[in-house]
Amino acid sequence: MPNVKSAKKRVRQTAKRRLRNKSYKTRVKNSIKKVLVAIEEKKEKDEVMELLNSSFSIIDKAAKKGVIHKNNASRKKARLHAKVKEYLGEEA
């Protein structure tokens, strides 16, 4: 347990930020999972593309907030896009 006032504040800030980051990361994972489940269930092209676009948006927001690194976000988007292209029968 911290004794110094600034250390106590730092503990409070860290706890708050950890929860915020956790919610962003969970949101990213869930959005990716939705796209993969849609592919698995052989949903229509429009629905898959809509889910993909919303997933890209969520991933970009997480990267913008600094929750995940921009290269990590780029890698997630590239892998997801490759899977969607493969499902739709386009060249990757």
PDB file of N, CA and C in Angstrom:
ATOM      1  N   MET A   1       0.848  -1.187   0.000  1.00  0.00           N
ATOM      2  CA  MET A   1       0.000   0.000   0.000  1.00  0.00           C
ATOM      3  C   MET A   1       0.887   1.242   0.000  1.00  0.00           C
ATOM      4  N   PRO A   2       0.624   2.182  -0.897  1.00  0.00           N
ATOM      5  CA  PRO A   2       1.463   3.384  -0.979  1.00  0.00           C
ATOM      6  C   PRO A   2       1.245   4.316   0.208  1.00  0.00           C
ATOM      7  N   ASN A   3       2.309   4.992   0.573  1.00  0.00           N
ATOM      8  CA  ASN A   3       2.246   5.942   1.685  1.00  0.00           C
ATOM      9  C   ASN A   3       2.207   7.391   1.203  1.00  0.00           C
ATOM     10  N   VAL A   4       2.818   7.640   0.058  1.00  0.00           N
ATOM     11  CA  VAL A   4       2.917   8.994  -0.475  1.00  0.00           C
ATOM     12  C   VAL A   4       1.622   9.341  -1.221  1.00  0.00           C
ATOM     13  N   LYS A   5       1.220  10.603  -1.113  1.00  0.00           N
ATOM     14  CA  LYS A   5      -0.041  11.040  -1.713  1.00  0.00           C
ATOM     15  C   LYS A   5      -0.047  10.821  -3.241  1.00  0.00           C
ATOM     16  N   SER A   6       1.057  11.142  -3.887  1.00  0.00           N
ATOM     17  CA  SER A   6       1.117  10.993  -5.348  1.00  0.00           C
ATOM     18  C   SER A   6       1.050   9.523  -5.758  1.00  0.00           C
ATOM     19  N   ALA A   7       1.609   8.655  -4.929  1.00  0.00           N
ATOM     20  CA  ALA A   7       1.561   7.220  -5.221  1.00  0.00           C
ATOM     21  C   ALA A   7       0.138   6.685  -5.079  1.00  0.00           C
ATOM     22  N   LYS A   8      -0.585   7.215  -4.095  1.00  0.00           N
ATOM     23  CA  LYS A   8      -1.988   6.809  -3.913  1.00  0.00           C
ATOM     24  C   LYS A   8      -2.817   7.213  -5.138  1.00  0.00           C
ATOM     25  N   LYS A   9      -2.562   8.428  -5.613  1.00  0.00           N
ATOM     26  CA  LYS A   9      -3.276   8.909  -6.795  1.00  0.00           C
ATOM     27  C   LYS A   9      -2.941   8.047  -8.007  1.00  0.00           C
ATOM     28  N   ARG A  10      -1.681   7.684  -8.127  1.00  0.00           N
ATOM     29  CA  ARG A  10      -1.240   6.866  -9.244  1.00  0.00           C
ATOM     30  C   ARG A  10      -1.951   5.508  -9.234  1.00  0.00           C
ATOM     31  N   VAL A  11      -2.148   4.938  -8.061  1.00  0.00           N
ATOM     32  CA  VAL A  11      -2.857   3.654  -7.931  1.00  0.00           C
ATOM     33  C   VAL A  11      -4.304   3.805  -8.410  1.00  0.00           C
ATOM     34  N   ARG A  12      -4.950   4.902  -8.009  1.00  0.00           N
ATOM     35  CA  ARG A  12      -6.335   5.152  -8.444  1.00  0.00           C
ATOM     36  C   ARG A  12      -6.414   5.302  -9.961  1.00  0.00           C
ATOM     37  N   GLN A  13      -5.485   6.077 -10.529  1.00  0.00           N
ATOM     38  CA  GLN A  13      -5.488   6.295 -11.974  1.00  0.00           C
ATOM     39  C   GLN A  13      -5.257   4.996 -12.736  1.00  0.00           C
ATOM     40  N   THR A  14      -4.325   4.198 -12.250  1.00  0.00           N
ATOM     41  CA  THR A  14      -3.994   2.935 -12.913  1.00  0.00           C
ATOM     42  C   THR A  14      -5.190   1.996 -12.912  1.00  0.00           C
ATOM     43  N   ALA A  15      -5.890   1.937 -11.785  1.00  0.00           N
ATOM     44  CA  ALA A  15      -7.063   1.060 -11.692  1.00  0.00           C
ATOM     45  C   ALA A  15      -8.143   1.496 -12.676  1.00  0.00           C
ATOM     46  N   LYS A  16      -8.365   2.804 -12.764  1.00  0.00           N
ATOM     47  CA  LYS A  16      -9.376   3.345 -13.669  1.00  0.00           C
ATOM     48  C   LYS A  16      -9.016   3.045 -15.130  1.00  0.00           C
ATOM     49  N   ARG A  17      -7.745   3.260 -15.469  1.00  0.00           N
ATOM     50  CA  ARG A  17      -7.292   3.040 -16.844  1.00  0.00           C
ATOM     51  C   ARG A  17      -7.304   1.560 -17.209  1.00  0.00           C
ATOM     52  N   ARG A  18      -6.971   0.706 -16.248  1.00  0.00           N
ATOM     53  CA  ARG A  18      -6.967  -0.736 -16.508  1.00  0.00           C
ATOM     54  C   ARG A  18      -8.364  -1.216 -16.892  1.00  0.00           C
ATOM     55  N   LEU A  19      -9.382  -0.728 -16.162  1.00  0.00           N
ATOM     56  CA  LEU A  19     -10.764  -1.102 -16.473  1.00  0.00           C
ATOM     57  C   LEU A  19     -11.194  -0.574 -17.841  1.00  0.00           C
ATOM     58  N   ARG A  20     -10.798   0.645 -18.154  1.00  0.00           N
ATOM     59  CA  ARG A  20     -11.151   1.234 -19.445  1.00  0.00           C
ATOM     60  C   ARG A  20     -10.500   0.446 -20.584  1.00  0.00           C
ATOM     61  N   ASN A  21      -9.209   0.138 -20.421  1.00  0.00           N
ATOM     62  CA  ASN A  21      -8.490  -0.623 -21.441  1.00  0.00           C
ATOM     63  C   ASN A  21      -9.088  -2.010 -21.612  1.00  0.00           C
ATOM     64  N   LYS A  22      -9.480  -2.618 -20.499  1.00  0.00           N
ATOM     65  CA  LYS A  22     -10.063  -3.955 -20.549  1.00  0.00           C
ATOM     66  C   LYS A  22     -11.347  -3.949 -21.368  1.00  0.00           C
ATOM     67  N   SER A  23     -12.170  -2.907 -21.182  1.00  0.00           N
ATOM     68  CA  SER A  23     -13.431  -2.844 -21.928  1.00  0.00           C
ATOM     69  C   SER A  23     -13.175  -2.665 -23.418  1.00  0.00           C
ATOM     70  N   TYR A  24     -12.166  -1.862 -23.786  1.00  0.00           N
ATOM     71  CA  TYR A  24     -11.828  -1.681 -25.200  1.00  0.00           C
ATOM     72  C   TYR A  24     -11.336  -2.992 -25.805  1.00  0.00           C
ATOM     73  N   LYS A  25     -10.451  -3.687 -25.080  1.00  0.00           N
ATOM     74  CA  LYS A  25      -9.914  -4.945 -25.597  1.00  0.00           C
ATOM     75  C   LYS A  25     -11.007  -5.988 -25.769  1.00  0.00           C
ATOM     76  N   THR A  26     -11.938  -6.037 -24.821  1.00  0.00           N
ATOM     77  CA  THR A  26     -13.052  -6.977 -24.906  1.00  0.00           C
ATOM     78  C   THR A  26     -13.919  -6.643 -26.113  1.00  0.00           C
ATOM     79  N   ARG A  27     -14.163  -5.363 -26.328  1.00  0.00           N
ATOM     80  CA  ARG A  27     -14.961  -4.918 -27.466  1.00  0.00           C
ATOM     81  C   ARG A  27     -14.300  -5.337 -28.783  1.00  0.00           C
ATOM     82  N   VAL A  28     -12.977  -5.197 -28.862  1.00  0.00           N
ATOM     83  CA  VAL A  28     -12.236  -5.590 -30.063  1.00  0.00           C
ATOM     84  C   VAL A  28     -12.378  -7.090 -30.307  1.00  0.00           C
ATOM     85  N   LYS A  29     -12.152  -7.872 -29.257  1.00  0.00           N
ATOM     86  CA  LYS A  29     -12.229  -9.328 -29.395  1.00  0.00           C
ATOM     87  C   LYS A  29     -13.630  -9.774 -29.809  1.00  0.00           C
ATOM     88  N   ASN A  30     -14.652  -9.171 -29.213  1.00  0.00           N
ATOM     89  CA  ASN A  30     -16.033  -9.546 -29.539  1.00  0.00           C
ATOM     90  C   ASN A  30     -16.384  -9.188 -30.979  1.00  0.00           C
ATOM     91  N   SER A  31     -15.904  -8.047 -31.453  1.00  0.00           N
ATOM     92  CA  SER A  31     -16.212  -7.645 -32.825  1.00  0.00           C
ATOM     93  C   SER A  31     -15.551  -8.587 -33.826  1.00  0.00           C
ATOM     94  N   ILE A  32     -14.328  -9.012 -33.524  1.00  0.00           N
ATOM     95  CA  ILE A  32     -13.628  -9.961 -34.398  1.00  0.00           C
ATOM     96  C   ILE A  32     -14.355 -11.296 -34.393  1.00  0.00           C
ATOM     97  N   LYS A  33     -14.774 -11.711 -33.212  1.00  0.00           N
ATOM     98  CA  LYS A  33     -15.476 -12.987 -33.078  1.00  0.00           C
ATOM     99  C   LYS A  33     -16.785 -12.981 -33.866  1.00  0.00           C
ATOM    100  N   LYS A  34     -17.489 -11.844 -33.871  1.00  0.00           N
ATOM    101  CA  LYS A  34     -18.747 -11.748 -34.611  1.00  0.00           C
ATOM    102  C   LYS A  34     -18.521 -11.978 -36.099  1.00  0.00           C
ATOM    103  N   VAL A  35     -17.441 -11.407 -36.633  1.00  0.00           N
ATOM    104  CA  VAL A  35     -17.141 -11.586 -38.056  1.00  0.00           C
ATOM    105  C   VAL A  35     -16.820 -13.056 -38.341  1.00  0.00           C
ATOM    106  N   LEU A  36     -16.009 -13.666 -37.490  1.00  0.00           N
ATOM    107  CA  LEU A  36     -15.616 -15.061 -37.696  1.00  0.00           C
ATOM    108  C   LEU A  36     -16.817 -16.004 -37.584  1.00  0.00           C
ATOM    109  N   VAL A  37     -17.720 -15.718 -36.655  1.00  0.00           N
ATOM    110  CA  VAL A  37     -18.924 -16.537 -36.503  1.00  0.00           C
ATOM    111  C   VAL A  37     -19.827 -16.373 -37.730  1.00  0.00           C
ATOM    112  N   ALA A  38     -19.909 -15.156 -38.247  1.00  0.00           N
ATOM    113  CA  ALA A  38     -20.720 -14.915 -39.446  1.00  0.00           C
ATOM    114  C   ALA A  38     -20.168 -15.700 -40.633  1.00  0.00           C
ATOM    115  N   ILE A  39     -18.846 -15.773 -40.731  1.00  0.00           N
ATOM    116  CA  ILE A  39     -18.213 -16.557 -41.805  1.00  0.00           C
ATOM    117  C   ILE A  39     -18.518 -18.036 -41.611  1.00  0.00           C
ATOM    118  N   GLU A  40     -18.386 -18.489 -40.380  1.00  0.00           N
ATOM    119  CA  GLU A  40     -18.628 -19.898 -40.051  1.00  0.00           C
ATOM    120  C   GLU A  40     -20.064 -20.306 -40.373  1.00  0.00           C
ATOM    121  N   GLU A  41     -20.995 -19.414 -40.084  1.00  0.00           N
ATOM    122  CA  GLU A  41     -22.413 -19.699 -40.314  1.00  0.00           C
ATOM    123  C   GLU A  41     -22.838 -19.395 -41.748  1.00  0.00           C
ATOM    124  N   LYS A  42     -21.857 -19.013 -42.588  1.00  0.00           N
ATOM    125  CA  LYS A  42     -22.101 -18.728 -44.005  1.00  0.00           C
ATOM    126  C   LYS A  42     -23.199 -17.682 -44.213  1.00  0.00           C
ATOM    127  N   LYS A  43     -23.014 -16.560 -43.550  1.00  0.00           N
ATOM    128  CA  LYS A  43     -23.972 -15.446 -43.681  1.00  0.00           C
ATOM    129  C   LYS A  43     -23.802 -14.785 -45.056  1.00  0.00           C
ATOM    130  N   GLU A  44     -24.714 -13.889 -45.375  1.00  0.00           N
ATOM    131  CA  GLU A  44     -24.677 -13.189 -46.657  1.00  0.00           C
ATOM    132  C   GLU A  44     -23.514 -12.203 -46.703  1.00  0.00           C
ATOM    133  N   LYS A  45     -23.100 -11.864 -47.933  1.00  0.00           N
ATOM    134  CA  LYS A  45     -21.961 -10.970 -48.138  1.00  0.00           C
ATOM    135  C   LYS A  45     -22.176  -9.617 -47.474  1.00  0.00           C
ATOM    136  N   ASP A  46     -23.379  -9.052 -47.617  1.00  0.00           N
ATOM    137  CA  ASP A  46     -23.660  -7.727 -47.061  1.00  0.00           C
ATOM    138  C   ASP A  46     -23.490  -7.713 -45.545  1.00  0.00           C
ATOM    139  N   GLU A  47     -24.004  -8.741 -44.902  1.00  0.00           N
ATOM    140  CA  GLU A  47     -23.925  -8.818 -43.439  1.00  0.00           C
ATOM    141  C   GLU A  47     -22.478  -8.946 -42.968  1.00  0.00           C
ATOM    142  N   VAL A  48     -21.708  -9.783 -43.676  1.00  0.00           N
ATOM    143  CA  VAL A  48     -20.299  -9.983 -43.307  1.00  0.00           C
ATOM    144  C   VAL A  48     -19.512  -8.684 -43.495  1.00  0.00           C
ATOM    145  N   MET A  49     -19.767  -7.999 -44.604  1.00  0.00           N
ATOM    146  CA  MET A  49     -19.055  -6.749 -44.869  1.00  0.00           C
ATOM    147  C   MET A  49     -19.426  -5.664 -43.848  1.00  0.00           C
ATOM    148  N   GLU A  50     -20.674  -5.634 -43.444  1.00  0.00           N
ATOM    149  CA  GLU A  50     -21.106  -4.670 -42.429  1.00  0.00           C
ATOM    150  C   GLU A  50     -20.403  -4.943 -41.096  1.00  0.00           C
ATOM    151  N   LEU A  51     -20.339  -6.218 -40.724  1.00  0.00           N
ATOM    152  CA  LEU A  51     -19.641  -6.595 -39.486  1.00  0.00           C
ATOM    153  C   LEU A  51     -18.155  -6.274 -39.581  1.00  0.00           C
ATOM    154  N   LEU A  52     -17.574  -6.504 -40.762  1.00  0.00           N
ATOM    155  CA  LEU A  52     -16.152  -6.223 -40.968  1.00  0.00           C
ATOM    156  C   LEU A  52     -15.874  -4.732 -40.803  1.00  0.00           C
ATOM    157  N   ASN A  53     -16.719  -3.895 -41.394  1.00  0.00           N
ATOM    158  CA  ASN A  53     -16.527  -2.443 -41.287  1.00  0.00           C
ATOM    159  C   ASN A  53     -16.649  -1.955 -39.849  1.00  0.00           C
ATOM    160  N   SER A  54     -17.625  -2.479 -39.121  1.00  0.00           N
ATOM    161  CA  SER A  54     -17.776  -2.061 -37.729  1.00  0.00           C
ATOM    162  C   SER A  54     -16.600  -2.550 -36.892  1.00  0.00           C
ATOM    163  N   SER A  55     -16.092  -3.735 -37.227  1.00  0.00           N
ATOM    164  CA  SER A  55     -14.938  -4.285 -36.523  1.00  0.00           C
ATOM    165  C   SER A  55     -13.696  -3.422 -36.766  1.00  0.00           C
ATOM    166  N   PHE A  56     -13.501  -3.011 -38.016  1.00  0.00           N
ATOM    167  CA  PHE A  56     -12.371  -2.130 -38.341  1.00  0.00           C
ATOM    168  C   PHE A  56     -12.458  -0.833 -37.545  1.00  0.00           C
ATOM    169  N   SER A  57     -13.657  -0.298 -37.444  1.00  0.00           N
ATOM    170  CA  SER A  57     -13.857   0.947 -36.714  1.00  0.00           C
ATOM    171  C   SER A  57     -13.494   0.789 -35.240  1.00  0.00           C
ATOM    172  N   ILE A  58     -13.939  -0.306 -34.654  1.00  0.00           N
ATOM    173  CA  ILE A  58     -13.665  -0.562 -33.235  1.00  0.00           C
ATOM    174  C   ILE A  58     -12.164  -0.755 -33.002  1.00  0.00           C
ATOM    175  N   ILE A  59     -11.514  -1.492 -33.897  1.00  0.00           N
ATOM    176  CA  ILE A  59     -10.071  -1.727 -33.770  1.00  0.00           C
ATOM    177  C   ILE A  59      -9.309  -0.403 -33.895  1.00  0.00           C
ATOM    178  N   ASP A  60      -9.706   0.431 -34.859  1.00  0.00           N
ATOM    179  CA  ASP A  60      -9.039   1.731 -35.046  1.00  0.00           C
ATOM    180  C   ASP A  60      -9.200   2.624 -33.825  1.00  0.00           C
ATOM    181  N   LYS A  61     -10.391   2.606 -33.227  1.00  0.00           N
ATOM    182  CA  LYS A  61     -10.622   3.425 -32.032  1.00  0.00           C
ATOM    183  C   LYS A  61      -9.731   2.966 -30.877  1.00  0.00           C
ATOM    184  N   ALA A  62      -9.590   1.651 -30.727  1.00  0.00           N
ATOM    185  CA  ALA A  62      -8.739   1.127 -29.653  1.00  0.00           C
ATOM    186  C   ALA A  62      -7.291   1.546 -29.874  1.00  0.00           C
ATOM    187  N   ALA A  63      -6.847   1.531 -31.119  1.00  0.00           N
ATOM    188  CA  ALA A  63      -5.472   1.942 -31.428  1.00  0.00           C
ATOM    189  C   ALA A  63      -5.299   3.444 -31.197  1.00  0.00           C
ATOM    190  N   LYS A  64      -6.308   4.208 -31.557  1.00  0.00           N
ATOM    191  CA  LYS A  64      -6.250   5.660 -31.390  1.00  0.00           C
ATOM    192  C   LYS A  64      -6.151   6.030 -29.909  1.00  0.00           C
ATOM    193  N   LYS A  65      -6.858   5.284 -29.060  1.00  0.00           N
ATOM    194  CA  LYS A  65      -6.840   5.544 -27.619  1.00  0.00           C
ATOM    195  C   LYS A  65      -5.555   5.023 -26.967  1.00  0.00           C
ATOM    196  N   GLY A  66      -4.772   4.222 -27.707  1.00  0.00           N
ATOM    197  CA  GLY A  66      -3.532   3.697 -27.156  1.00  0.00           C
ATOM    198  C   GLY A  66      -3.717   2.415 -26.372  1.00  0.00           C
ATOM    199  N   VAL A  67      -4.884   1.801 -26.498  1.00  0.00           N
ATOM    200  CA  VAL A  67      -5.147   0.550 -25.781  1.00  0.00           C
ATOM    201  C   VAL A  67      -4.338  -0.577 -26.421  1.00  0.00           C
ATOM    202  N   ILE A  68      -4.302  -0.586 -27.765  1.00  0.00           N
ATOM    203  CA  ILE A  68      -3.437  -1.522 -28.471  1.00  0.00           C
ATOM    204  C   ILE A  68      -2.530  -0.710 -29.403  1.00  0.00           C
ATOM    205  N   HIS A  69      -1.382  -1.268 -29.739  1.00  0.00           N
ATOM    206  CA  HIS A  69      -0.419  -0.588 -30.600  1.00  0.00           C
ATOM    207  C   HIS A  69      -0.963  -0.528 -32.023  1.00  0.00           C
ATOM    208  N   LYS A  70      -0.570   0.492 -32.768  1.00  0.00           N
ATOM    209  CA  LYS A  70      -1.106   0.651 -34.122  1.00  0.00           C
ATOM    210  C   LYS A  70      -0.719  -0.514 -35.030  1.00  0.00           C
ATOM    211  N   ASN A  71       0.458  -1.095 -34.825  1.00  0.00           N
ATOM    212  CA  ASN A  71       0.852  -2.262 -35.629  1.00  0.00           C
ATOM    213  C   ASN A  71       0.006  -3.477 -35.272  1.00  0.00           C
ATOM    214  N   ASN A  72      -0.337  -3.606 -34.003  1.00  0.00           N
ATOM    215  CA  ASN A  72      -1.204  -4.693 -33.551  1.00  0.00           C
ATOM    216  C   ASN A  72      -2.578  -4.544 -34.205  1.00  0.00           C
ATOM    217  N   ALA A  73      -3.081  -3.323 -34.231  1.00  0.00           N
ATOM    218  CA  ALA A  73      -4.380  -3.060 -34.856  1.00  0.00           C
ATOM    219  C   ALA A  73      -4.327  -3.383 -36.340  1.00  0.00           C
ATOM    220  N   SER A  74      -3.252  -2.981 -36.985  1.00  0.00           N
ATOM    221  CA  SER A  74      -3.092  -3.229 -38.415  1.00  0.00           C
ATOM    222  C   SER A  74      -3.033  -4.727 -38.699  1.00  0.00           C
ATOM    223  N   ARG A  75      -2.346  -5.464 -37.857  1.00  0.00           N
ATOM    224  CA  ARG A  75      -2.233  -6.918 -38.031  1.00  0.00           C
ATOM    225  C   ARG A  75      -3.593  -7.598 -37.855  1.00  0.00           C
ATOM    226  N   LYS A  76      -4.334  -7.177 -36.843  1.00  0.00           N
ATOM    227  CA  LYS A  76      -5.666  -7.749 -36.617  1.00  0.00           C
ATOM    228  C   LYS A  76      -6.570  -7.498 -37.820  1.00  0.00           C
ATOM    229  N   LYS A  77      -6.532  -6.276 -38.348  1.00  0.00           N
ATOM    230  CA  LYS A  77      -7.371  -5.928 -39.482  1.00  0.00           C
ATOM    231  C   LYS A  77      -6.970  -6.719 -40.731  1.00  0.00           C
ATOM    232  N   ALA A  78      -5.682  -6.859 -40.952  1.00  0.00           N
ATOM    233  CA  ALA A  78      -5.202  -7.576 -42.141  1.00  0.00           C
ATOM    234  C   ALA A  78      -5.606  -9.049 -42.098  1.00  0.00           C
ATOM    235  N   ARG A  79      -5.446  -9.673 -40.955  1.00  0.00           N
ATOM    236  CA  ARG A  79      -5.792 -11.092 -40.833  1.00  0.00           C
ATOM    237  C   ARG A  79      -7.293 -11.309 -40.982  1.00  0.00           C
ATOM    238  N   LEU A  80      -8.065 -10.413 -40.406  1.00  0.00           N
ATOM    239  CA  LEU A  80      -9.516 -10.517 -40.496  1.00  0.00           C
ATOM    240  C   LEU A  80      -9.972 -10.305 -41.939  1.00  0.00           C
ATOM    241  N   HIS A  81      -9.385  -9.317 -42.593  1.00  0.00           N
ATOM    242  CA  HIS A  81      -9.744  -9.020 -43.977  1.00  0.00           C
ATOM    243  C   HIS A  81      -9.383 -10.180 -44.894  1.00  0.00           C
ATOM    244  N   ALA A  82      -8.248 -10.826 -44.644  1.00  0.00           N
ATOM    245  CA  ALA A  82      -7.832 -11.976 -45.448  1.00  0.00           C
ATOM    246  C   ALA A  82      -8.840 -13.112 -45.321  1.00  0.00           C
ATOM    247  N   LYS A  83      -9.336 -13.341 -44.112  1.00  0.00           N
ATOM    248  CA  LYS A  83     -10.322 -14.409 -43.895  1.00  0.00           C
ATOM    249  C   LYS A  83     -11.639 -14.093 -44.603  1.00  0.00           C
ATOM    250  N   VAL A  84     -12.038 -12.831 -44.557  1.00  0.00           N
ATOM    251  CA  VAL A  84     -13.276 -12.432 -45.228  1.00  0.00           C
ATOM    252  C   VAL A  84     -13.130 -12.591 -46.746  1.00  0.00           C
ATOM    253  N   LYS A  85     -11.980 -12.164 -47.281  1.00  0.00           N
ATOM    254  CA  LYS A  85     -11.739 -12.302 -48.716  1.00  0.00           C
ATOM    255  C   LYS A  85     -11.772 -13.765 -49.138  1.00  0.00           C
ATOM    256  N   GLU A  86     -11.152 -14.603 -48.331  1.00  0.00           N
ATOM    257  CA  GLU A  86     -11.134 -16.036 -48.629  1.00  0.00           C
ATOM    258  C   GLU A  86     -12.565 -16.590 -48.634  1.00  0.00           C
ATOM    259  N   TYR A  87     -13.360 -16.157 -47.685  1.00  0.00           N
ATOM    260  CA  TYR A  87     -14.754 -16.614 -47.588  1.00  0.00           C
ATOM    261  C   TYR A  87     -15.563 -16.152 -48.798  1.00  0.00           C
ATOM    262  N   LEU A  88     -15.334 -14.931 -49.228  1.00  0.00           N
ATOM    263  CA  LEU A  88     -16.089 -14.377 -50.344  1.00  0.00           C
ATOM    264  C   LEU A  88     -15.547 -14.831 -51.705  1.00  0.00           C
ATOM    265  N   GLY A  89     -14.420 -15.546 -51.700  1.00  0.00           N
ATOM    266  CA  GLY A  89     -13.877 -16.084 -52.937  1.00  0.00           C
ATOM    267  C   GLY A  89     -13.081 -15.089 -53.747  1.00  0.00           C
ATOM    268  N   GLU A  90     -12.542 -14.071 -53.094  1.00  0.00           N
ATOM    269  CA  GLU A  90     -11.726 -13.082 -53.780  1.00  0.00           C
ATOM    270  C   GLU A  90     -10.264 -13.390 -53.534  1.00  0.00           C
ATOM    271  N   GLU A  91      -9.386 -12.768 -54.306  1.00  0.00           N
ATOM    272  CA  GLU A  91      -7.954 -12.961 -54.093  1.00  0.00           C
ATOM    273  C   GLU A  91      -7.517 -12.204 -52.849  1.00  0.00           C
ATOM    274  N   ALA A  92      -6.634 -12.838 -52.078  1.00  0.00           N
ATOM    275  CA  ALA A  92      -6.173 -12.209 -50.830  1.00  0.00           C
ATOM    276  C   ALA A  92      -5.031 -11.259 -51.093  1.00  0.00           C
TER     277      ALA A  92
END
